[in-house]
Amino acid sequence: MSPVKPSNKEEEYFLRKEAEKLKVAAEKARKEMEEAEKRHLKDLHWMRCPKCGMAMKEITFRGVQIDKCFSCGGMYLDDGEFEQLASSEQKGNFLSSLKRIFTGQEEEIH
């Protein structure tokens, strides 16, 4: 007696199931690689100036932590920090305060 050979439909079913498993595994590997790359980039660029690449330090200005590069003088705000600064200012003084912030003439920078 010869062994029973699977039908074409059975073969297709198992091939499809195997292909689905491979696709899921490939998607998982892609996501893991993306996460690893994201972590790597964060480690490389965390608190680095986007303009010159040097290290930045946090300074406190009017109760808000601002990232400042002491190499090129750049100042950077995280999400929501601009709104915090703007809401703490009176309407007429806001632009002059911005000028003092960016020219380094503000006495409240620590």
N, C-alpha and C. Protein backbone atom coordinates (compact mmCIF):
# COMPACT_ATOMS: atom_id res chain seq x y z
N MET A 1 0.84 -1.17 0.00
CA MET A 1 0.00 0.00 0.00
C MET A 1 0.89 1.24 0.00
N SER A 2 0.56 2.17 -0.85
CA SER A 2 1.37 3.40 -0.96
C SER A 2 0.84 4.46 0.00
N PRO A 3 1.74 5.36 0.45
CA PRO A 3 1.29 6.41 1.36
C PRO A 3 0.30 7.34 0.67
N VAL A 4 -0.58 7.94 1.48
CA VAL A 4 -1.61 8.82 0.96
C VAL A 4 -0.97 10.17 0.65
N LYS A 5 -1.13 10.60 -0.57
CA LYS A 5 -0.56 11.88 -1.00
C LYS A 5 -1.61 12.97 -0.74
N PRO A 6 -1.17 14.11 -0.12
CA PRO A 6 -2.15 15.17 0.13
C PRO A 6 -2.65 15.77 -1.17
N SER A 7 -3.86 16.25 -1.11
CA SER A 7 -4.43 16.87 -2.31
C SER A 7 -3.81 18.25 -2.51
N ASN A 8 -4.03 18.81 -3.68
CA ASN A 8 -3.51 20.15 -3.99
C ASN A 8 -4.08 21.20 -3.03
N LYS A 9 -5.34 21.06 -2.68
CA LYS A 9 -5.97 22.01 -1.76
C LYS A 9 -5.32 21.96 -0.39
N GLU A 10 -4.99 20.75 0.07
CA GLU A 10 -4.32 20.61 1.37
C GLU A 10 -2.93 21.25 1.32
N GLU A 11 -2.20 21.00 0.26
CA GLU A 11 -0.86 21.58 0.10
C GLU A 11 -0.95 23.12 0.08
N GLU A 12 -1.91 23.63 -0.67
CA GLU A 12 -2.09 25.09 -0.74
C GLU A 12 -2.41 25.66 0.64
N TYR A 13 -3.26 24.97 1.38
CA TYR A 13 -3.64 25.43 2.72
C TYR A 13 -2.40 25.54 3.62
N PHE A 14 -1.60 24.48 3.65
CA PHE A 14 -0.43 24.48 4.52
C PHE A 14 0.63 25.47 4.05
N LEU A 15 0.77 25.62 2.75
CA LEU A 15 1.71 26.62 2.22
C LEU A 15 1.25 28.04 2.60
N ARG A 16 -0.04 28.29 2.51
CA ARG A 16 -0.60 29.59 2.87
C ARG A 16 -0.38 29.88 4.36
N LYS A 17 -0.63 28.86 5.20
CA LYS A 17 -0.43 29.00 6.66
C LYS A 17 1.05 29.30 6.96
N GLU A 18 1.94 28.58 6.29
CA GLU A 18 3.38 28.82 6.50
C GLU A 18 3.77 30.22 6.03
N ALA A 19 3.23 30.66 4.91
CA ALA A 19 3.52 32.01 4.41
C ALA A 19 3.01 33.07 5.38
N GLU A 20 1.84 32.85 5.96
CA GLU A 20 1.30 33.79 6.95
C GLU A 20 2.20 33.87 8.18
N LYS A 21 2.70 32.71 8.64
CA LYS A 21 3.61 32.70 9.78
C LYS A 21 4.89 33.48 9.46
N LEU A 22 5.43 33.26 8.28
CA LEU A 22 6.65 33.96 7.87
C LEU A 22 6.42 35.46 7.77
N LYS A 23 5.25 35.83 7.26
CA LYS A 23 4.92 37.25 7.14
C LYS A 23 4.82 37.90 8.52
N VAL A 24 4.16 37.24 9.46
CA VAL A 24 4.03 37.76 10.83
C VAL A 24 5.41 37.89 11.48
N ALA A 25 6.25 36.88 11.30
CA ALA A 25 7.61 36.91 11.87
C ALA A 25 8.43 38.04 11.26
N ALA A 26 8.30 38.25 9.95
CA ALA A 26 9.04 39.32 9.29
C ALA A 26 8.56 40.69 9.77
N GLU A 27 7.27 40.86 9.97
CA GLU A 27 6.71 42.12 10.47
C GLU A 27 7.20 42.39 11.89
N LYS A 28 7.22 41.36 12.71
CA LYS A 28 7.72 41.50 14.09
C LYS A 28 9.19 41.91 14.08
N ALA A 29 9.98 41.26 13.24
CA ALA A 29 11.41 41.60 13.15
C ALA A 29 11.61 43.03 12.66
N ARG A 30 10.78 43.48 11.71
CA ARG A 30 10.87 44.84 11.19
C ARG A 30 10.56 45.85 12.30
N LYS A 31 9.52 45.59 13.08
CA LYS A 31 9.15 46.50 14.17
C LYS A 31 10.24 46.55 15.23
N GLU A 32 10.82 45.39 15.56
CA GLU A 32 11.90 45.36 16.54
C GLU A 32 13.11 46.15 16.05
N MET A 33 13.40 46.02 14.75
CA MET A 33 14.53 46.75 14.18
C MET A 33 14.26 48.26 14.20
N GLU A 34 13.02 48.66 13.89
CA GLU A 34 12.66 50.08 13.93
C GLU A 34 12.81 50.63 15.35
N GLU A 35 12.36 49.88 16.34
CA GLU A 35 12.48 50.31 17.73
C GLU A 35 13.94 50.42 18.14
N ALA A 36 14.74 49.46 17.73
CA ALA A 36 16.18 49.49 18.06
C ALA A 36 16.83 50.71 17.41
N GLU A 37 16.48 50.99 16.17
CA GLU A 37 17.03 52.16 15.46
C GLU A 37 16.58 53.45 16.13
N LYS A 38 15.33 53.50 16.56
CA LYS A 38 14.81 54.67 17.25
C LYS A 38 15.56 54.91 18.56
N ARG A 39 15.79 53.84 19.32
CA ARG A 39 16.56 53.96 20.58
C ARG A 39 17.98 54.42 20.30
N HIS A 40 18.59 53.86 19.26
CA HIS A 40 19.96 54.22 18.88
C HIS A 40 20.05 55.71 18.51
N LEU A 41 19.10 56.19 17.71
CA LEU A 41 19.11 57.60 17.31
C LEU A 41 18.88 58.52 18.50
N LYS A 42 18.00 58.11 19.41
CA LYS A 42 17.77 58.92 20.60
C LYS A 42 19.04 59.00 21.44
N ASP A 43 19.72 57.86 21.60
CA ASP A 43 20.97 57.87 22.35
C ASP A 43 22.02 58.76 21.69
N LEU A 44 22.07 58.75 20.37
CA LEU A 44 23.03 59.59 19.64
C LEU A 44 22.73 61.07 19.75
N HIS A 45 21.45 61.44 19.71
CA HIS A 45 21.07 62.84 19.58
C HIS A 45 20.51 63.48 20.84
N TRP A 46 20.31 62.72 21.90
CA TRP A 46 19.69 63.26 23.11
C TRP A 46 20.49 64.43 23.64
N MET A 47 19.82 65.55 23.81
CA MET A 47 20.39 66.79 24.32
C MET A 47 21.59 67.26 23.50
N ARG A 48 21.52 67.05 22.19
CA ARG A 48 22.51 67.56 21.25
C ARG A 48 21.86 68.64 20.41
N CYS A 49 22.60 69.68 20.14
CA CYS A 49 22.09 70.81 19.36
C CYS A 49 21.81 70.36 17.93
N PRO A 50 20.62 70.64 17.40
CA PRO A 50 20.32 70.26 16.02
C PRO A 50 21.09 71.11 15.01
N LYS A 51 21.62 72.22 15.45
CA LYS A 51 22.35 73.11 14.54
C LYS A 51 23.83 72.73 14.44
N CYS A 52 24.50 72.58 15.59
CA CYS A 52 25.95 72.33 15.56
C CYS A 52 26.36 70.98 16.12
N GLY A 53 25.43 70.26 16.78
CA GLY A 53 25.73 68.92 17.27
C GLY A 53 26.38 68.87 18.65
N MET A 54 26.66 70.02 19.24
CA MET A 54 27.30 70.03 20.56
C MET A 54 26.26 69.76 21.65
N ALA A 55 26.75 69.46 22.85
CA ALA A 55 25.87 69.16 23.97
C ALA A 55 25.10 70.41 24.39
N MET A 56 23.85 70.23 24.78
CA MET A 56 23.03 71.32 25.28
C MET A 56 22.81 71.12 26.77
N LYS A 57 22.51 72.21 27.45
CA LYS A 57 22.19 72.18 28.87
C LYS A 57 20.82 72.80 29.06
N GLU A 58 20.12 72.33 30.08
CA GLU A 58 18.83 72.93 30.42
C GLU A 58 19.06 74.13 31.31
N ILE A 59 18.37 75.22 30.99
CA ILE A 59 18.40 76.41 31.83
C ILE A 59 16.96 76.73 32.20
N THR A 60 16.78 77.43 33.29
CA THR A 60 15.44 77.81 33.73
C THR A 60 15.22 79.27 33.37
N PHE A 61 14.15 79.52 32.64
CA PHE A 61 13.76 80.88 32.29
C PHE A 61 12.29 81.04 32.62
N ARG A 62 11.98 81.92 33.55
CA ARG A 62 10.59 82.17 33.98
C ARG A 62 9.86 80.88 34.33
N GLY A 63 10.58 79.99 35.00
CA GLY A 63 9.98 78.74 35.46
C GLY A 63 9.87 77.65 34.41
N VAL A 64 10.43 77.87 33.23
CA VAL A 64 10.35 76.89 32.14
C VAL A 64 11.76 76.40 31.82
N GLN A 65 11.89 75.07 31.69
CA GLN A 65 13.19 74.49 31.35
C GLN A 65 13.39 74.63 29.83
N ILE A 66 14.44 75.35 29.44
CA ILE A 66 14.77 75.58 28.04
C ILE A 66 16.09 74.90 27.75
N ASP A 67 16.22 74.28 26.57
CA ASP A 67 17.47 73.65 26.17
C ASP A 67 18.32 74.69 25.45
N LYS A 68 19.55 74.92 25.95
CA LYS A 68 20.42 75.94 25.37
C LYS A 68 21.75 75.32 24.97
N CYS A 69 22.21 75.68 23.78
CA CYS A 69 23.53 75.28 23.30
C CYS A 69 24.48 76.44 23.58
N PHE A 70 25.46 76.21 24.39
CA PHE A 70 26.41 77.26 24.71
C PHE A 70 27.51 77.36 23.67
N SER A 71 27.50 76.46 22.70
CA SER A 71 28.48 76.51 21.62
C SER A 71 28.05 77.50 20.54
N CYS A 72 26.83 77.35 20.02
CA CYS A 72 26.37 78.23 18.95
C CYS A 72 25.34 79.25 19.43
N GLY A 73 24.88 79.08 20.68
CA GLY A 73 23.91 80.02 21.23
C GLY A 73 22.46 79.68 20.96
N GLY A 74 22.20 78.56 20.32
CA GLY A 74 20.83 78.17 20.02
C GLY A 74 20.04 77.85 21.27
N MET A 75 18.75 78.17 21.23
CA MET A 75 17.86 77.87 22.35
C MET A 75 16.66 77.12 21.77
N TYR A 76 16.26 76.05 22.43
CA TYR A 76 15.22 75.19 21.89
C TYR A 76 14.17 74.91 22.96
N LEU A 77 12.93 74.91 22.52
CA LEU A 77 11.79 74.69 23.41
C LEU A 77 11.15 73.35 23.10
N ASP A 78 10.82 72.62 24.15
CA ASP A 78 10.07 71.38 23.98
C ASP A 78 8.60 71.72 23.78
N ASP A 79 7.81 70.71 23.43
CA ASP A 79 6.39 70.89 23.18
C ASP A 79 5.71 71.54 24.39
N GLY A 80 5.00 72.62 24.15
CA GLY A 80 4.24 73.30 25.18
C GLY A 80 5.00 74.39 25.93
N GLU A 81 6.33 74.42 25.81
CA GLU A 81 7.11 75.42 26.55
C GLU A 81 6.92 76.83 26.00
N PHE A 82 6.78 76.96 24.70
CA PHE A 82 6.54 78.29 24.12
C PHE A 82 5.22 78.85 24.66
N GLU A 83 4.21 78.01 24.71
CA GLU A 83 2.90 78.43 25.21
C GLU A 83 2.99 78.84 26.67
N GLN A 84 3.79 78.12 27.47
CA GLN A 84 3.97 78.48 28.87
C GLN A 84 4.62 79.86 28.99
N LEU A 85 5.64 80.09 28.18
CA LEU A 85 6.31 81.40 28.21
C LEU A 85 5.37 82.50 27.74
N ALA A 86 4.63 82.24 26.67
CA ALA A 86 3.73 83.26 26.12
C ALA A 86 2.62 83.59 27.11
N SER A 87 2.11 82.61 27.81
CA SER A 87 1.01 82.87 28.73
C SER A 87 1.48 83.60 29.98
N SER A 88 2.76 83.52 30.29
CA SER A 88 3.27 84.19 31.48
C SER A 88 3.64 85.65 31.20
N GLU A 89 3.60 86.05 29.96
CA GLU A 89 3.97 87.41 29.56
C GLU A 89 2.74 88.30 29.40
N GLN A 90 2.95 89.58 29.63
CA GLN A 90 1.91 90.55 29.28
C GLN A 90 2.00 90.77 27.79
N LYS A 91 0.89 91.15 27.17
CA LYS A 91 0.86 91.29 25.71
C LYS A 91 1.96 92.19 25.18
N GLY A 92 2.14 93.35 25.75
CA GLY A 92 3.09 94.33 25.21
C GLY A 92 4.54 93.94 25.40
N ASN A 93 4.85 93.09 26.37
CA ASN A 93 6.24 92.77 26.66
C ASN A 93 6.72 91.48 26.02
N PHE A 94 5.84 90.75 25.38
CA PHE A 94 6.21 89.42 24.90
C PHE A 94 7.33 89.48 23.86
N LEU A 95 7.20 90.32 22.84
CA LEU A 95 8.22 90.38 21.79
C LEU A 95 9.55 90.89 22.32
N SER A 96 9.51 91.87 23.21
CA SER A 96 10.77 92.36 23.77
C SER A 96 11.43 91.29 24.64
N SER A 97 10.61 90.50 25.33
CA SER A 97 11.17 89.40 26.12
C SER A 97 11.80 88.34 25.23
N LEU A 98 11.17 88.03 24.11
CA LEU A 98 11.76 87.08 23.17
C LEU A 98 13.11 87.58 22.67
N LYS A 99 13.17 88.87 22.37
CA LYS A 99 14.43 89.45 21.90
C LYS A 99 15.51 89.29 22.97
N ARG A 100 15.18 89.55 24.22
CA ARG A 100 16.16 89.42 25.30
C ARG A 100 16.57 87.96 25.47
N ILE A 101 15.62 87.04 25.32
CA ILE A 101 15.96 85.61 25.45
C ILE A 101 17.01 85.23 24.41
N PHE A 102 16.74 85.59 23.16
CA PHE A 102 17.60 85.12 22.08
C PHE A 102 18.89 85.92 21.93
N THR A 103 18.96 87.10 22.52
CA THR A 103 20.22 87.86 22.48
C THR A 103 21.02 87.70 23.76
N GLY A 104 20.48 86.95 24.72
CA GLY A 104 21.22 86.68 25.95
C GLY A 104 21.20 87.83 26.93
N GLN A 105 20.29 88.77 26.80
CA GLN A 105 20.25 89.93 27.66
C GLN A 105 19.24 89.79 28.80
N GLU A 106 18.69 88.62 28.99
CA GLU A 106 17.69 88.43 30.03
C GLU A 106 18.37 88.09 31.34
N GLU A 107 18.06 88.83 32.36
CA GLU A 107 18.72 88.65 33.67
C GLU A 107 18.21 87.44 34.42
N GLU A 108 17.08 86.85 34.04
CA GLU A 108 16.52 85.74 34.79
C GLU A 108 17.01 84.38 34.34
N ILE A 109 17.86 84.30 33.35
CA ILE A 109 18.36 83.01 32.89
C ILE A 109 19.37 82.50 33.91
N HIS A 110 19.21 81.27 34.35
CA HIS A 110 20.11 80.66 35.35
C HIS A 110 21.01 79.67 34.68
